[in-house]
Protein backbone atom coordinates (compact mmCIF):
# COMPACT_ATOMS: atom_id res chain seq x y z
CA MET A 1 -19.30 -3.12 -17.84
CA TYR A 2 -18.41 -1.65 -14.47
CA GLY A 3 -20.73 0.17 -12.10
CA LYS A 4 -19.87 3.04 -9.78
CA ALA A 5 -17.18 2.24 -7.23
CA PHE A 6 -18.45 1.63 -3.72
CA ALA A 7 -16.85 1.19 -0.30
CA PRO A 8 -18.06 -2.04 1.34
CA GLU A 9 -16.10 -1.19 4.48
CA TYR A 10 -18.62 1.58 5.19
CA GLN A 11 -21.49 -0.46 6.63
CA GLY A 12 -24.64 -0.22 8.71
CA ALA A 13 -25.74 3.37 9.06
CA LEU A 14 -22.68 4.49 7.07
CA THR A 15 -23.55 2.91 3.71
CA THR A 16 -24.44 6.36 2.36
CA LEU A 17 -20.77 7.37 2.55
CA SER A 18 -18.98 7.51 -0.78
CA VAL A 19 -15.73 5.76 -1.68
CA ASN A 20 -14.46 9.31 -2.22
CA SER A 21 -15.60 10.71 1.14
CA SER A 22 -12.93 12.66 2.97
CA LEU A 23 -11.39 10.48 5.68
CA THR A 24 -12.00 13.17 8.27
CA ASP A 25 -15.71 13.08 7.35
CA VAL A 26 -15.70 9.26 7.55
CA LEU A 27 -14.06 9.38 10.96
CA ALA A 28 -16.54 11.95 12.29
CA ALA A 29 -19.60 10.06 10.99
CA GLY A 30 -18.25 6.69 12.09
CA THR A 31 -17.45 7.91 15.59
CA GLU A 32 -20.91 9.44 15.95
CA GLN A 33 -22.66 6.24 14.84
CA LEU A 34 -20.39 4.09 16.99
CA ARG A 35 -21.24 6.05 20.13
CA ALA A 36 -24.95 5.93 19.30
CA ALA A 37 -24.79 2.15 18.81
CA GLU A 38 -22.93 1.68 22.09
CA ARG A 39 -25.50 3.80 23.96
CA ALA A 40 -28.34 1.80 22.40
CA GLY A 41 -26.68 -1.52 23.27
CA LYS A 42 -26.40 -2.63 19.62
CA PRO A 43 -23.07 -4.48 19.32
CA GLY A 44 -23.67 -5.45 15.67
CA GLU A 45 -24.04 -1.83 14.61
CA ALA A 46 -21.12 -0.87 16.86
CA ALA A 47 -18.95 -3.42 15.06
CA ARG A 48 -19.81 -2.08 11.62
CA SER A 49 -19.47 1.58 12.58
CA GLY A 50 -16.23 0.76 14.35
CA LEU A 51 -14.87 -0.77 11.13
CA ALA A 52 -15.18 2.59 9.35
CA VAL A 53 -13.49 4.29 12.30
CA ALA A 54 -10.62 1.81 12.16
CA GLU A 55 -10.16 2.25 8.42
CA ALA A 56 -10.27 6.05 8.62
CA HIS A 57 -7.62 6.05 11.35
CA ARG A 58 -5.46 3.61 9.37
CA ARG A 59 -5.58 5.60 6.15
CA LEU A 60 -4.87 8.80 8.06
CA GLY A 61 -1.74 7.16 9.43
CA ARG A 62 -2.97 7.00 13.06
CA VAL A 63 -1.86 3.45 13.64
CA GLU A 64 -2.40 3.19 17.40
CA ASP A 65 -5.96 4.51 17.12
CA ALA A 66 -6.58 2.14 14.20
CA ASP A 67 -5.27 -0.80 16.21
CA ARG A 68 -7.63 -0.08 19.09
CA ALA A 69 -10.57 0.49 16.75
CA TRP A 70 -10.36 -2.75 14.76
CA LYS A 71 -9.99 -4.81 17.93
CA ALA A 72 -13.02 -3.10 19.47
CA SER A 73 -14.95 -3.76 16.25
CA TYR A 74 -14.02 -7.45 16.43
CA ARG A 75 -15.11 -7.72 20.09
CA ALA A 76 -18.45 -6.09 19.30
CA ALA A 77 -18.98 -8.39 16.31
CA ARG A 78 -18.22 -11.44 18.42
CA GLN A 79 -20.66 -10.25 21.07
CA ALA A 80 -23.29 -9.88 18.35
CA GLU A 81 -22.36 -13.31 16.93
CA ASP A 82 -21.98 -11.64 13.52
CA VAL A 83 -19.42 -13.79 11.69
CA ALA A 84 -19.18 -11.52 8.64
CA ALA A 85 -18.55 -8.45 10.81
CA MET A 86 -15.84 -10.41 12.64
CA ALA A 87 -14.26 -11.13 9.27
CA TRP A 88 -14.30 -7.45 8.28
CA ALA A 89 -12.64 -6.45 11.57
CA LEU A 90 -9.91 -9.04 11.01
CA TRP A 91 -9.44 -7.79 7.45
CA SER A 92 -8.90 -4.28 8.83
CA GLY A 93 -6.44 -5.59 11.41
CA GLY A 94 -4.55 -7.59 8.81
CA THR A 95 -4.34 -4.60 6.48
CA LEU A 96 -3.00 -2.48 9.33
CA ALA A 97 -0.42 -5.15 10.19
CA ARG A 98 0.82 -5.14 6.59
CA GLN A 99 1.02 -1.35 6.63
CA ARG A 100 3.18 -1.57 9.77
CA GLY A 101 5.47 -4.18 8.23
CA ALA A 102 4.24 -7.07 10.41
CA PHE A 103 3.80 -9.43 7.46
CA ARG A 104 3.49 -12.68 9.39
CA LEU A 105 0.68 -11.24 11.53
CA ALA A 106 -0.93 -9.73 8.43
CA ARG A 107 -1.07 -13.12 6.71
CA ARG A 108 -2.53 -14.80 9.80
CA LEU A 109 -5.27 -12.19 10.29
CA LEU A 110 -6.15 -12.00 6.60
CA GLN A 111 -6.39 -15.79 6.29
CA LEU A 112 -8.70 -15.88 9.33
CA ALA A 113 -10.77 -13.10 7.74
CA ALA A 114 -11.06 -15.02 4.46
CA ASP A 115 -12.13 -18.18 6.31
CA LEU A 116 -14.73 -16.35 8.40
CA GLY A 117 -15.99 -14.48 5.34
CA GLU A 118 -16.61 -17.79 3.60
CA ARG A 119 -18.28 -19.22 6.70
CA GLY A 120 -20.42 -16.11 7.10
CA GLY A 121 -21.47 -16.10 3.44
CA ASP A 122 -19.90 -12.68 2.70
CA ILE A 123 -18.07 -13.09 -0.61
CA VAL A 124 -16.91 -9.46 -0.58
CA VAL A 125 -14.92 -9.68 2.65
CA ARG A 126 -13.58 -13.04 1.50
CA GLY A 127 -12.40 -11.44 -1.73
CA TYR A 128 -10.91 -8.43 0.04
CA SER A 129 -9.08 -10.71 2.47
CA LEU A 130 -7.64 -12.89 -0.30
CA ALA A 131 -6.62 -9.68 -2.07
CA GLY A 132 -4.89 -8.61 1.12
CA LEU A 133 -2.96 -11.88 1.20
CA ALA A 134 -1.98 -11.41 -2.43
CA GLU A 135 -0.83 -7.83 -1.81
CA THR A 136 1.19 -8.90 1.22
CA GLY A 137 3.08 -11.43 -0.89
CA ARG A 138 3.55 -8.94 -3.71
CA ILE A 139 4.95 -6.27 -1.40
CA GLN A 140 7.41 -8.81 -0.03
CA GLY A 141 8.49 -9.62 -3.59
CA ASP A 142 7.13 -13.17 -3.71
CA TYR A 143 5.67 -12.72 -7.20
CA GLU A 144 5.61 -16.36 -8.20
CA ALA A 145 3.51 -17.31 -5.18
CA VAL A 146 0.90 -14.55 -5.53
CA GLY A 147 0.82 -13.86 -9.26
CA ARG A 148 -1.82 -16.50 -9.92
CA LEU A 149 -3.92 -15.26 -6.99
CA HIS A 150 -3.86 -11.73 -8.40
CA GLU A 151 -5.03 -13.05 -11.78
CA GLN A 152 -7.78 -15.15 -10.13
CA LEU A 153 -9.06 -12.16 -8.14
CA LEU A 154 -8.95 -9.97 -11.25
CA ALA A 155 -11.08 -12.49 -13.14
CA GLU A 156 -13.61 -12.64 -10.28
CA ALA A 157 -13.79 -8.84 -10.04
CA ARG A 158 -14.29 -8.48 -13.80
CA ARG A 159 -17.01 -11.13 -13.73
CA ARG A 160 -18.90 -9.27 -10.99
CA GLY A 161 -18.28 -5.88 -12.63
CA GLU A 162 -16.73 -4.62 -9.40
CA ALA A 163 -14.67 -1.62 -10.52
CA ARG A 164 -12.75 -0.91 -7.32
CA HIS A 165 -11.48 -4.46 -6.96
CA THR A 166 -10.67 -4.70 -10.66
CA VAL A 167 -8.58 -1.54 -10.39
CA TRP A 168 -6.75 -2.92 -7.34
CA ALA A 169 -5.91 -6.20 -9.10
CA LEU A 170 -4.77 -4.49 -12.31
CA GLU A 171 -2.49 -2.18 -10.36
CA GLY A 172 -0.98 -5.07 -8.40
CA ILE A 173 -0.25 -7.07 -11.55
CA ALA A 174 1.08 -3.94 -13.25
CA GLN A 175 3.46 -3.32 -10.35
CA MET A 176 4.88 -6.83 -10.62
CA HIS A 177 5.48 -6.37 -14.36
CA ARG A 178 7.12 -3.00 -13.71
CA ASN A 179 9.42 -4.45 -11.05
CA THR A 180 10.52 -7.27 -13.37
CA GLY A 181 11.28 -4.87 -16.22
CA ASP A 182 8.25 -5.42 -18.48
CA TYR A 183 7.45 -1.71 -18.74
CA ASP A 184 5.12 -1.88 -21.74
CA THR A 185 2.79 -4.39 -20.07
CA ALA A 186 2.94 -2.42 -16.82
CA TYR A 187 2.01 0.79 -18.62
CA ALA A 188 -0.94 -0.83 -20.40
CA LEU A 189 -2.30 -2.26 -17.14
CA PHE A 190 -1.86 0.99 -15.20
CA GLU A 191 -3.55 2.83 -18.08
CA GLU A 192 -6.51 0.43 -18.04
CA SER A 193 -6.85 0.73 -14.26
CA ALA A 194 -6.79 4.53 -14.51
CA GLU A 195 -9.55 4.47 -17.15
CA ILE A 196 -11.77 2.10 -15.14
CA ALA A 197 -11.22 4.09 -11.94
CA ALA A 198 -12.08 7.36 -13.68
CA ARG A 199 -15.31 5.95 -15.17
CA ALA A 200 -16.29 4.42 -11.81
CA ASP A 201 -15.40 7.60 -9.89
CA ASP A 202 -12.86 5.75 -7.76
CA ARG A 203 -10.58 8.67 -6.98
CA ARG A 204 -8.29 6.73 -4.67
CA GLY A 205 -7.72 3.99 -7.24
CA HIS A 206 -7.21 6.62 -9.94
CA ALA A 207 -4.54 8.38 -7.87
CA TRP A 208 -2.60 5.12 -7.37
CA ALA A 209 -2.86 4.35 -11.11
CA LEU A 210 -1.49 7.79 -11.99
CA ARG A 211 1.44 7.17 -9.65
CA GLY A 212 2.16 3.90 -11.47
CA LEU A 213 1.96 5.58 -14.87
CA ALA A 214 4.32 8.33 -13.70
CA ASP A 215 6.84 5.73 -12.60
CA VAL A 216 6.80 3.94 -15.96
CA VAL A 217 6.86 7.18 -17.97
CA SER A 218 9.93 8.21 -15.98
CA VAL A 219 11.90 4.96 -16.06
CA ARG A 220 10.95 3.80 -19.58
CA ASP A 221 10.59 7.05 -21.51
CA GLY A 222 12.73 9.46 -19.48
CA ASP A 223 9.84 11.94 -19.68
CA THR A 224 10.36 13.75 -16.39
CA GLU A 225 7.90 16.58 -16.91
CA ARG A 226 5.03 14.26 -17.91
CA ALA A 227 5.74 12.07 -14.88
CA LEU A 228 5.68 15.09 -12.56
CA GLU A 229 2.38 16.25 -14.11
CA LEU A 230 0.79 12.85 -13.41
CA LEU A 231 2.05 12.92 -9.82
CA SER A 232 0.70 16.45 -9.31
CA GLU A 233 -2.73 15.32 -10.49
CA ALA A 234 -2.61 12.35 -8.11
CA GLU A 235 -1.41 14.55 -5.24
CA ALA A 236 -4.44 16.81 -5.57
CA THR A 237 -6.70 13.79 -4.97
CA CYS A 238 -4.60 12.57 -2.04
CA ARG A 239 -4.85 15.96 -0.35
CA ALA A 240 -8.57 16.34 -1.00
CA MET A 241 -9.32 12.93 0.52
CA ARG A 242 -6.63 13.16 3.24
CA LEU A 243 -4.91 9.99 1.99
CA SER A 244 -1.80 10.28 4.16
CA SER A 245 -0.10 7.04 3.09
CA ALA A 246 -0.81 7.53 -0.61
CA LEU A 247 0.46 11.11 -0.37
CA ALA A 248 3.72 9.98 1.24
CA TYR A 249 4.23 7.38 -1.49
CA ASN A 250 3.48 10.08 -4.07
CA HIS A 251 6.25 12.25 -2.61
CA LYS A 252 8.65 9.29 -2.55
CA MET A 253 7.86 8.61 -6.23
CA ARG A 254 8.41 12.28 -7.09
CA GLY A 255 11.83 11.86 -5.50
CA ASN A 256 12.47 8.81 -7.71
CA VAL A 257 11.52 10.75 -10.84
CA LEU A 258 13.79 13.68 -9.94
CA TYR A 259 16.65 11.34 -9.04
CA ARG A 260 16.46 9.59 -12.42
CA ALA A 261 16.58 13.02 -14.08
CA GLY A 262 19.80 13.85 -12.23
CA ARG A 263 18.10 16.53 -10.12
CA TYR A 264 19.65 15.20 -6.95
CA ALA A 265 19.14 18.17 -4.61
CA GLU A 266 15.42 18.29 -5.42
CA ALA A 267 15.19 14.52 -5.02
CA ARG A 268 16.89 14.74 -1.63
CA ASP A 269 14.29 17.24 -0.41
CA LEU A 270 11.40 15.03 -1.55
CA TYR A 271 12.90 11.91 0.06
CA GLU A 272 13.38 13.80 3.31
CA GLN A 273 9.75 14.94 3.21
CA ALA A 274 8.47 11.42 2.47
CA LEU A 275 10.69 9.95 5.19
CA ALA A 276 9.23 12.30 7.80
CA GLU A 277 5.70 11.44 6.65
CA PHE A 278 6.30 7.68 6.82
CA ARG A 279 7.90 7.95 10.25
CA GLU A 280 4.94 9.91 11.55
CA MET A 281 2.57 7.11 10.51
CA SER A 282 4.94 4.26 11.53
CA GLU A 283 5.12 2.74 8.06
CA PRO A 284 8.47 0.87 7.88
CA ARG A 285 8.35 -0.08 4.19
CA GLY A 286 7.88 3.48 3.01
CA GLU A 287 10.45 4.66 5.52
CA ALA A 288 13.07 2.18 4.25
CA LEU A 289 12.44 3.03 0.59
CA SER A 290 12.70 6.76 1.35
CA ARG A 291 15.94 6.19 3.25
CA LEU A 292 17.33 4.33 0.24
CA GLY A 293 16.45 7.15 -2.12
CA LEU A 294 17.87 9.70 0.29
CA ALA A 295 21.13 7.75 0.69
CA LYS A 296 21.57 7.56 -3.10
CA SER A 297 20.80 11.27 -3.53
CA LEU A 298 23.26 12.28 -0.80
CA ALA A 299 25.92 10.05 -2.37
CA ARG A 300 25.42 11.82 -5.70
CA LEU A 301 25.74 15.15 -3.88
CA GLY A 302 29.16 14.21 -2.48
CA ARG A 303 28.48 12.38 0.76
CA ASP A 304 31.39 10.37 2.13
CA ARG A 305 31.51 6.91 0.54
CA ALA A 306 32.07 5.18 3.87
CA GLU A 307 28.96 6.83 5.32
CA THR A 308 26.94 5.77 2.27
CA ALA A 309 28.24 2.20 2.53
CA ALA A 310 27.29 2.06 6.23
CA GLU A 311 23.81 3.41 5.46
CA LEU A 312 23.25 0.84 2.71
CA ALA A 313 24.45 -2.00 4.95
CA GLU A 314 22.07 -0.95 7.71
CA LEU A 315 19.21 -0.65 5.21
CA ALA A 316 19.93 -4.11 3.82
CA GLY A 317 19.67 -5.56 7.32
CA THR A 318 16.45 -3.68 8.02
CA LEU A 319 14.83 -4.89 4.80
CA GLU A 320 15.99 -8.44 5.48
CA ARG A 321 14.31 -8.35 8.91
CA ILE A 322 11.10 -6.87 7.50
CA GLY A 323 11.08 -9.49 4.75
CA LEU A 324 11.04 -7.22 1.70
CA GLN A 325 12.83 -9.23 -0.98
CA HIS A 326 12.36 -6.79 -3.86
CA ALA A 327 13.50 -3.80 -1.81
CA ARG A 328 16.53 -5.77 -0.63
CA ARG A 329 17.45 -6.33 -4.28
CA MET A 330 17.12 -2.58 -4.82
CA VAL A 331 19.78 -1.99 -2.15
CA ALA A 332 22.07 -4.51 -3.86
CA ARG A 333 21.66 -2.59 -7.14
CA ALA A 334 22.44 0.68 -5.33
CA TYR A 335 25.92 -0.61 -4.45
CA ASP A 336 26.64 -1.19 -8.15
CA GLU A 337 25.03 2.05 -9.24
CA LEU A 338 27.11 4.11 -6.82
CA GLY A 339 30.30 2.10 -7.35
CA ILE A 340 30.50 1.06 -3.70
CA PRO A 341 31.67 -2.48 -2.81
CA ASP A 342 28.98 -4.57 -1.11
CA ALA A 343 30.76 -5.91 1.97
CA GLY A 344 28.18 -8.64 2.43
CA ALA A 345 28.57 -9.86 -1.14
CA VAL A 346 32.39 -9.75 -0.90
CA GLU A 347 32.35 -11.83 2.27
CA ALA A 348 29.98 -14.36 0.72
CA ARG A 349 32.12 -15.16 -2.33
CA PRO A 350 34.85 -17.31 -0.68
CA ALA A 351 32.21 -19.48 1.01
CA GLU A 352 30.44 -19.96 -2.32
CA VAL A 353 33.71 -21.00 -3.97
CA THR A 354 34.44 -23.46 -1.15
CA ARG A 355 31.02 -25.07 -1.56
């Protein structure tokens, strides 16, 4: 049995905020409490108010403001000798690093956060930090390494009846099944996460689950209209809560659905929109995936094959540098799908034969 979803990152005087609070409201309340704590000379409260400020900035796509805020939160927590608050600040910084594509830094900060959370006796920040490590590995496509960690965290969340974390773990596992072609399992897990999120009033988690369901409905069933309906429902939540990153990913997924349906001009427009949104918030993973969708759409609309080949080659290099294994495989499949020779693969064959 799961209770109502709560937001443990809203701490101190901000515990009355809901998991569904608008991010602009969170930012306003957090900033007000942070200034009051600084005036009163209360570094512990400043650290915890500053955490909410950092998270609101991050989710709104204001990465530079978020970077300054989590570091200020960490400094205040260290001044207050509050180990758990230090861990939460590092968790925020690690999550931001992952969002920006700095995966090595993300892993370092999240591991430090998990260690400090354990030392400070805060099992929630420890769990969130381990979840962050698992998500970092999953995004990079290292499923074998993080699959067991996802399952472990899911079991812990179920045992505690923590709805929000259960939803996160289910969605992560579902995404791995979807990416490896097990659509039925992915659908069942996304469906369960959507049901738990709805009962727990976790609107953010529900929106992400709907996006996952739309993806599977599109790729497995070819049901374009149902997929678009699910994405429209999720988009309404993203707009109401000002979830900039989730909204951009929603638009990118809408482009995917339209592309699969052969509606290439509409897909192109959605990819262009998502690309602009990701660039505005400096999110390289979303930017690269939108560029890939846009390149495929333009190719279907008659773009010169040489230009498409050059775009795919550049994307492959970008994804290699970022460290996104699954996305790099998506580029390799795009060559085959569009009937364009992969220059890198062609060059590699003679060396493989020689070996």
